[in-house]
Amino acid sequence: MKWKRFLAMAGVVLILSMYIIAIISAFSHNPEAKNWLMAAIFSSVVIPIFLYAAQLVARVIRQNKDEPDSAGKNKK
């Protein structure tokens, strides 16, 4: 369960840092401010999807380890 919290916190930190960079670049009249904003919006969608997919893959991999093999013993 701890790795799920770690992934969630990492995602929040990544998304918030993208928005902070976008805001700072907008206030400093950086010509790349629009690109940073678009990257932040894109990250708001893609990072949670990626983290959810990583959790699904981890669940499937863990489930395969817990299945008994043909001799009735757990695979490890």
N, C-alpha and C. Protein backbone atom coordinates (compact mmCIF):
# COMPACT_ATOMS: atom_id res chain seq x y z
N MET A 1 0.81 -1.19 0.00
CA MET A 1 0.00 0.00 0.00
C MET A 1 0.86 1.26 0.00
N LYS A 2 2.05 1.19 0.55
CA LYS A 2 2.90 2.37 0.61
C LYS A 2 3.33 2.83 -0.77
N TRP A 3 3.55 1.90 -1.70
CA TRP A 3 4.01 2.29 -3.03
C TRP A 3 2.91 3.04 -3.78
N LYS A 4 1.65 2.77 -3.49
CA LYS A 4 0.57 3.53 -4.12
C LYS A 4 0.58 4.98 -3.64
N ARG A 5 0.81 5.16 -2.35
CA ARG A 5 0.88 6.52 -1.82
C ARG A 5 2.08 7.25 -2.40
N PHE A 6 3.20 6.55 -2.52
CA PHE A 6 4.39 7.16 -3.09
C PHE A 6 4.14 7.58 -4.54
N LEU A 7 3.51 6.71 -5.33
CA LEU A 7 3.20 7.07 -6.72
C LEU A 7 2.24 8.26 -6.79
N ALA A 8 1.25 8.26 -5.91
CA ALA A 8 0.29 9.37 -5.91
C ALA A 8 0.97 10.68 -5.54
N MET A 9 1.82 10.66 -4.54
CA MET A 9 2.52 11.88 -4.14
C MET A 9 3.49 12.34 -5.22
N ALA A 10 4.16 11.41 -5.88
CA ALA A 10 5.07 11.77 -6.97
C ALA A 10 4.28 12.43 -8.10
N GLY A 11 3.11 11.91 -8.42
CA GLY A 11 2.28 12.50 -9.45
C GLY A 11 1.82 13.89 -9.10
N VAL A 12 1.42 14.09 -7.86
CA VAL A 12 0.98 15.42 -7.41
C VAL A 12 2.13 16.41 -7.49
N VAL A 13 3.31 15.99 -7.06
CA VAL A 13 4.48 16.88 -7.10
C VAL A 13 4.81 17.25 -8.54
N LEU A 14 4.78 16.29 -9.45
CA LEU A 14 5.08 16.58 -10.86
C LEU A 14 4.07 17.56 -11.46
N ILE A 15 2.80 17.33 -11.21
CA ILE A 15 1.77 18.20 -11.78
C ILE A 15 1.86 19.61 -11.19
N LEU A 16 2.02 19.69 -9.88
CA LEU A 16 2.13 21.02 -9.25
C LEU A 16 3.37 21.77 -9.72
N SER A 17 4.47 21.07 -9.89
CA SER A 17 5.68 21.75 -10.36
C SER A 17 5.50 22.27 -11.78
N MET A 18 4.78 21.56 -12.62
CA MET A 18 4.52 22.05 -13.97
C MET A 18 3.69 23.33 -13.93
N TYR A 19 2.66 23.38 -13.07
CA TYR A 19 1.84 24.59 -12.96
C TYR A 19 2.64 25.75 -12.36
N ILE A 20 3.49 25.48 -11.40
CA ILE A 20 4.31 26.54 -10.81
C ILE A 20 5.25 27.13 -11.85
N ILE A 21 5.86 26.27 -12.65
CA ILE A 21 6.75 26.75 -13.71
C ILE A 21 5.97 27.58 -14.72
N ALA A 22 4.76 27.15 -15.05
CA ALA A 22 3.93 27.90 -16.00
C ALA A 22 3.57 29.27 -15.45
N ILE A 23 3.22 29.33 -14.18
CA ILE A 23 2.85 30.61 -13.58
C ILE A 23 4.05 31.55 -13.50
N ILE A 24 5.20 31.02 -13.08
CA ILE A 24 6.40 31.86 -12.99
C ILE A 24 6.81 32.37 -14.36
N SER A 25 6.76 31.53 -15.37
CA SER A 25 7.14 31.98 -16.71
C SER A 25 6.14 32.99 -17.27
N ALA A 26 4.87 32.88 -16.90
CA ALA A 26 3.88 33.86 -17.36
C ALA A 26 4.12 35.23 -16.73
N PHE A 27 4.43 35.25 -15.44
CA PHE A 27 4.68 36.53 -14.77
C PHE A 27 6.00 37.17 -15.17
N SER A 28 6.93 36.37 -15.64
CA SER A 28 8.21 36.94 -16.07
C SER A 28 8.20 37.29 -17.56
N HIS A 29 7.03 37.19 -18.18
CA HIS A 29 6.85 37.53 -19.60
C HIS A 29 7.76 36.70 -20.50
N ASN A 30 7.91 35.46 -20.15
CA ASN A 30 8.70 34.53 -20.94
C ASN A 30 7.89 34.15 -22.19
N PRO A 31 8.50 34.16 -23.37
CA PRO A 31 7.75 33.79 -24.58
C PRO A 31 7.34 32.31 -24.60
N GLU A 32 7.95 31.51 -23.76
CA GLU A 32 7.61 30.09 -23.71
C GLU A 32 6.51 29.79 -22.69
N ALA A 33 5.87 30.80 -22.13
CA ALA A 33 4.86 30.61 -21.09
C ALA A 33 3.67 29.79 -21.60
N LYS A 34 3.26 30.04 -22.83
CA LYS A 34 2.14 29.29 -23.39
C LYS A 34 2.48 27.81 -23.51
N ASN A 35 3.71 27.52 -23.91
CA ASN A 35 4.13 26.12 -24.03
C ASN A 35 4.17 25.43 -22.66
N TRP A 36 4.62 26.17 -21.62
CA TRP A 36 4.64 25.59 -20.29
C TRP A 36 3.22 25.31 -19.79
N LEU A 37 2.29 26.21 -20.09
CA LEU A 37 0.90 26.01 -19.69
C LEU A 37 0.31 24.79 -20.39
N MET A 38 0.59 24.66 -21.67
CA MET A 38 0.08 23.49 -22.40
C MET A 38 0.70 22.20 -21.87
N ALA A 39 1.96 22.25 -21.50
CA ALA A 39 2.61 21.07 -20.91
C ALA A 39 2.00 20.72 -19.57
N ALA A 40 1.64 21.72 -18.78
CA ALA A 40 1.01 21.47 -17.48
C ALA A 40 -0.37 20.85 -17.65
N ILE A 41 -1.14 21.36 -18.60
CA ILE A 41 -2.47 20.79 -18.86
C ILE A 41 -2.35 19.36 -19.38
N PHE A 42 -1.41 19.13 -20.27
CA PHE A 42 -1.17 17.79 -20.79
C PHE A 42 -0.75 16.85 -19.66
N SER A 43 0.11 17.32 -18.77
CA SER A 43 0.58 16.50 -17.65
C SER A 43 -0.55 16.18 -16.68
N SER A 44 -1.50 17.10 -16.55
CA SER A 44 -2.64 16.87 -15.66
C SER A 44 -3.48 15.69 -16.11
N VAL A 45 -3.43 15.38 -17.37
CA VAL A 45 -4.18 14.25 -17.91
C VAL A 45 -3.31 13.00 -18.00
N VAL A 46 -2.11 13.15 -18.51
CA VAL A 46 -1.27 11.99 -18.82
C VAL A 46 -0.66 11.35 -17.57
N ILE A 47 -0.19 12.13 -16.62
CA ILE A 47 0.48 11.56 -15.44
C ILE A 47 -0.47 10.68 -14.63
N PRO A 48 -1.71 11.09 -14.31
CA PRO A 48 -2.60 10.17 -13.59
C PRO A 48 -2.91 8.90 -14.38
N ILE A 49 -3.05 9.02 -15.69
CA ILE A 49 -3.31 7.83 -16.50
C ILE A 49 -2.11 6.88 -16.45
N PHE A 50 -0.91 7.43 -16.55
CA PHE A 50 0.29 6.61 -16.49
C PHE A 50 0.43 5.93 -15.13
N LEU A 51 0.16 6.66 -14.05
CA LEU A 51 0.27 6.08 -12.71
C LEU A 51 -0.78 4.98 -12.50
N TYR A 52 -1.99 5.19 -13.00
CA TYR A 52 -3.03 4.17 -12.90
C TYR A 52 -2.63 2.91 -13.67
N ALA A 53 -2.07 3.10 -14.86
CA ALA A 53 -1.63 1.96 -15.66
C ALA A 53 -0.49 1.21 -14.95
N ALA A 54 0.41 1.94 -14.31
CA ALA A 54 1.50 1.29 -13.57
C ALA A 54 0.96 0.46 -12.41
N GLN A 55 -0.07 0.96 -11.73
CA GLN A 55 -0.68 0.20 -10.64
C GLN A 55 -1.36 -1.06 -11.17
N LEU A 56 -2.02 -0.96 -12.32
CA LEU A 56 -2.66 -2.14 -12.90
C LEU A 56 -1.63 -3.20 -13.28
N VAL A 57 -0.53 -2.77 -13.88
CA VAL A 57 0.52 -3.71 -14.26
C VAL A 57 1.11 -4.37 -13.02
N ALA A 58 1.35 -3.59 -11.97
CA ALA A 58 1.90 -4.15 -10.74
C ALA A 58 0.93 -5.15 -10.12
N ARG A 59 -0.36 -4.87 -10.18
CA ARG A 59 -1.35 -5.79 -9.64
C ARG A 59 -1.37 -7.10 -10.42
N VAL A 60 -1.27 -7.02 -11.73
CA VAL A 60 -1.27 -8.23 -12.56
C VAL A 60 -0.01 -9.05 -12.31
N ILE A 61 1.12 -8.38 -12.21
CA ILE A 61 2.37 -9.09 -11.95
C ILE A 61 2.33 -9.76 -10.59
N ARG A 62 1.85 -9.06 -9.58
CA ARG A 62 1.76 -9.63 -8.24
C ARG A 62 0.78 -10.79 -8.21
N GLN A 63 -0.32 -10.69 -8.95
CA GLN A 63 -1.31 -11.76 -8.98
C GLN A 63 -0.72 -13.02 -9.60
N ASN A 64 0.12 -12.88 -10.62
CA ASN A 64 0.75 -14.03 -11.23
C ASN A 64 1.72 -14.72 -10.28
N LYS A 65 2.37 -13.97 -9.40
CA LYS A 65 3.29 -14.56 -8.43
C LYS A 65 2.55 -15.35 -7.37
N ASP A 66 1.33 -14.93 -7.05
CA ASP A 66 0.56 -15.59 -5.99
C ASP A 66 -0.18 -16.83 -6.46
N GLU A 67 -0.30 -17.06 -7.76
CA GLU A 67 -1.00 -18.23 -8.26
C GLU A 67 -0.16 -19.48 -8.03
N PRO A 68 -0.80 -20.57 -7.60
CA PRO A 68 -0.04 -21.81 -7.43
C PRO A 68 0.35 -22.41 -8.78
N ASP A 69 1.50 -23.07 -8.82
CA ASP A 69 1.89 -23.74 -10.05
C ASP A 69 1.23 -25.12 -10.10
N SER A 70 1.63 -25.95 -11.07
CA SER A 70 0.97 -27.24 -11.27
C SER A 70 1.20 -28.20 -10.11
N ALA A 71 2.24 -28.04 -9.31
CA ALA A 71 2.51 -28.90 -8.18
C ALA A 71 1.76 -28.45 -6.93
N GLY A 72 1.05 -27.32 -6.99
CA GLY A 72 0.27 -26.85 -5.86
C GLY A 72 1.05 -25.92 -4.96
N LYS A 73 2.28 -25.59 -5.31
CA LYS A 73 3.08 -24.68 -4.50
C LYS A 73 3.01 -23.28 -5.11
N ASN A 74 3.14 -22.28 -4.28
CA ASN A 74 3.14 -20.91 -4.77
C ASN A 74 4.45 -20.60 -5.49
N LYS A 75 4.34 -19.87 -6.56
CA LYS A 75 5.54 -19.43 -7.29
C LYS A 75 6.21 -18.31 -6.52
N LYS A 76 7.50 -18.35 -6.40
CA LYS A 76 8.24 -17.27 -5.73
C LYS A 76 9.56 -17.07 -6.37
